[in-house]
Amino acid sequence: MKLVDDFLCPSCGGQTQVDKTTYTVDLGSGVVVVRRIPAAICTRCGDEWLGDETVQELEGIVEDAKKRRSQTEIVDYKASP
């Protein structure tokens, strides 16, 4: 999914706009926080949608943290070039 402003929210029918969000994962043995992630966010209900490439990058960040057994990892999101 490519992020675009002004698509209708499937949850409530509200308008969305591209903005930044934070993604947090509790791994049981630690926590990963990724900040400043681009997302389509509903202006009415607040639901968020991430692009396919963004999701793949987030999965990689989480897997790297698991391998390093990080107890706390806070990362600023930067899309791959």
C-alpha atoms as a PDB file:
ATOM      1  CA  MET A   1       0.000   0.000   0.000  1.00  0.00           C
ATOM      2  CA  LYS A   2       1.306   3.420  -0.896  1.00  0.00           C
ATOM      3  CA  LEU A   3       0.451   6.098   1.647  1.00  0.00           C
ATOM      4  CA  VAL A   4      -1.737   8.898   0.338  1.00  0.00           C
ATOM      5  CA  ASP A   5      -3.706  11.682   1.999  1.00  0.00           C
ATOM      6  CA  ASP A   6      -7.477  11.707   1.909  1.00  0.00           C
ATOM      7  CA  PHE A   7      -8.470   8.087   1.457  1.00  0.00           C
ATOM      8  CA  LEU A   8     -11.532   7.019   3.431  1.00  0.00           C
ATOM      9  CA  CYS A   9     -10.948   5.149   6.670  1.00  0.00           C
ATOM     10  CA  PRO A  10     -12.334   1.593   6.398  1.00  0.00           C
ATOM     11  CA  SER A  11     -13.203   1.635  10.111  1.00  0.00           C
ATOM     12  CA  CYS A  12     -15.289   4.821  10.352  1.00  0.00           C
ATOM     13  CA  GLY A  13     -15.399   6.490   6.912  1.00  0.00           C
ATOM     14  CA  GLY A  14     -13.356   9.478   8.075  1.00  0.00           C
ATOM     15  CA  GLN A  15     -10.601  11.145   6.067  1.00  0.00           C
ATOM     16  CA  THR A  16      -6.967  10.161   6.508  1.00  0.00           C
ATOM     17  CA  GLN A  17      -3.795  12.177   6.287  1.00  0.00           C
ATOM     18  CA  VAL A  18      -0.162  11.121   6.138  1.00  0.00           C
ATOM     19  CA  ASP A  19       1.655  11.894   9.375  1.00  0.00           C
ATOM     20  CA  LYS A  20       4.129  10.232  11.757  1.00  0.00           C
ATOM     21  CA  THR A  21       3.410   7.583  14.398  1.00  0.00           C
ATOM     22  CA  THR A  22       5.248   5.406  16.905  1.00  0.00           C
ATOM     23  CA  TYR A  23       5.374   1.600  16.831  1.00  0.00           C
ATOM     24  CA  THR A  24       6.011  -0.327  20.050  1.00  0.00           C
ATOM     25  CA  VAL A  25       6.575  -4.076  20.435  1.00  0.00           C
ATOM     26  CA  ASP A  26       6.839  -5.971  23.718  1.00  0.00           C
ATOM     27  CA  LEU A  27       9.053  -8.986  23.010  1.00  0.00           C
ATOM     28  CA  GLY A  28       8.618 -10.436  26.486  1.00  0.00           C
ATOM     29  CA  SER A  29      12.360 -10.149  27.093  1.00  0.00           C
ATOM     30  CA  GLY A  30      12.511  -6.511  25.994  1.00  0.00           C
ATOM     31  CA  VAL A  31      10.773  -3.619  24.293  1.00  0.00           C
ATOM     32  CA  VAL A  32      11.345  -2.090  20.861  1.00  0.00           C
ATOM     33  CA  VAL A  33      10.108   1.437  20.116  1.00  0.00           C
ATOM     34  CA  VAL A  34      10.343   2.838  16.592  1.00  0.00           C
ATOM     35  CA  ARG A  35       9.525   6.538  16.291  1.00  0.00           C
ATOM     36  CA  ARG A  36       8.620   8.842  13.414  1.00  0.00           C
ATOM     37  CA  ILE A  37       7.084   6.189  11.153  1.00  0.00           C
ATOM     38  CA  PRO A  38       5.106   7.505   8.169  1.00  0.00           C
ATOM     39  CA  ALA A  39       1.482   6.372   8.367  1.00  0.00           C
ATOM     40  CA  ALA A  40      -1.949   7.208   7.010  1.00  0.00           C
ATOM     41  CA  ILE A  41      -3.904   8.258  10.106  1.00  0.00           C
ATOM     42  CA  CYS A  42      -7.662   8.753  10.296  1.00  0.00           C
ATOM     43  CA  THR A  43      -8.552  12.250  11.481  1.00  0.00           C
ATOM     44  CA  ARG A  44     -11.795  10.963  13.012  1.00  0.00           C
ATOM     45  CA  CYS A  45     -11.018   7.671  14.820  1.00  0.00           C
ATOM     46  CA  GLY A  46      -7.199   7.663  14.854  1.00  0.00           C
ATOM     47  CA  ASP A  47      -6.747   4.277  13.153  1.00  0.00           C
ATOM     48  CA  GLU A  48      -3.385   4.011  11.403  1.00  0.00           C
ATOM     49  CA  TRP A  49      -2.189   2.263   8.234  1.00  0.00           C
ATOM     50  CA  LEU A  50       1.410   1.587   7.280  1.00  0.00           C
ATOM     51  CA  GLY A  51       2.808   1.019   3.807  1.00  0.00           C
ATOM     52  CA  ASP A  52       3.983  -2.486   2.831  1.00  0.00           C
ATOM     53  CA  GLU A  53       7.647  -1.451   2.624  1.00  0.00           C
ATOM     54  CA  THR A  54       7.412   0.239   6.019  1.00  0.00           C
ATOM     55  CA  VAL A  55       6.002  -2.935   7.575  1.00  0.00           C
ATOM     56  CA  GLN A  56       8.855  -4.985   6.096  1.00  0.00           C
ATOM     57  CA  GLU A  57      11.416  -2.544   7.518  1.00  0.00           C
ATOM     58  CA  LEU A  58       9.741  -2.644  10.949  1.00  0.00           C
ATOM     59  CA  GLU A  59       9.846  -6.449  10.917  1.00  0.00           C
ATOM     60  CA  GLY A  60      13.581  -6.269  10.189  1.00  0.00           C
ATOM     61  CA  ILE A  61      14.182  -3.809  13.036  1.00  0.00           C
ATOM     62  CA  VAL A  62      12.306  -6.066  15.470  1.00  0.00           C
ATOM     63  CA  GLU A  63      14.157  -9.195  14.297  1.00  0.00           C
ATOM     64  CA  ASP A  64      17.510  -7.435  14.734  1.00  0.00           C
ATOM     65  CA  ALA A  65      16.547  -6.451  18.294  1.00  0.00           C
ATOM     66  CA  LYS A  66      15.542 -10.061  19.042  1.00  0.00           C
ATOM     67  CA  LYS A  67      18.877 -11.377  17.758  1.00  0.00           C
ATOM     68  CA  ARG A  68      20.785  -8.876  19.912  1.00  0.00           C
ATOM     69  CA  ARG A  69      18.533  -9.696  22.894  1.00  0.00           C
ATOM     70  CA  SER A  70      18.034  -5.991  23.500  1.00  0.00           C
ATOM     71  CA  GLN A  71      16.060  -5.200  26.636  1.00  0.00           C
ATOM     72  CA  THR A  72      15.225  -1.695  25.410  1.00  0.00           C
ATOM     73  CA  GLU A  73      15.681  -0.442  21.887  1.00  0.00           C
ATOM     74  CA  ILE A  74      14.488   2.992  20.718  1.00  0.00           C
ATOM     75  CA  VAL A  75      14.964   3.747  17.034  1.00  0.00           C
ATOM     76  CA  ASP A  76      14.091   6.670  14.760  1.00  0.00           C
ATOM     77  CA  TYR A  77      12.620   5.250  11.560  1.00  0.00           C
ATOM     78  CA  LYS A  78      14.548   5.962   8.396  1.00  0.00           C
ATOM     79  CA  ALA A  79      13.309   4.445   5.163  1.00  0.00           C
ATOM     80  CA  SER A  80      15.833   2.586   3.074  1.00  0.00           C
ATOM     81  CA  PRO A  81      17.014   4.589   0.072  1.00  0.00           C
END
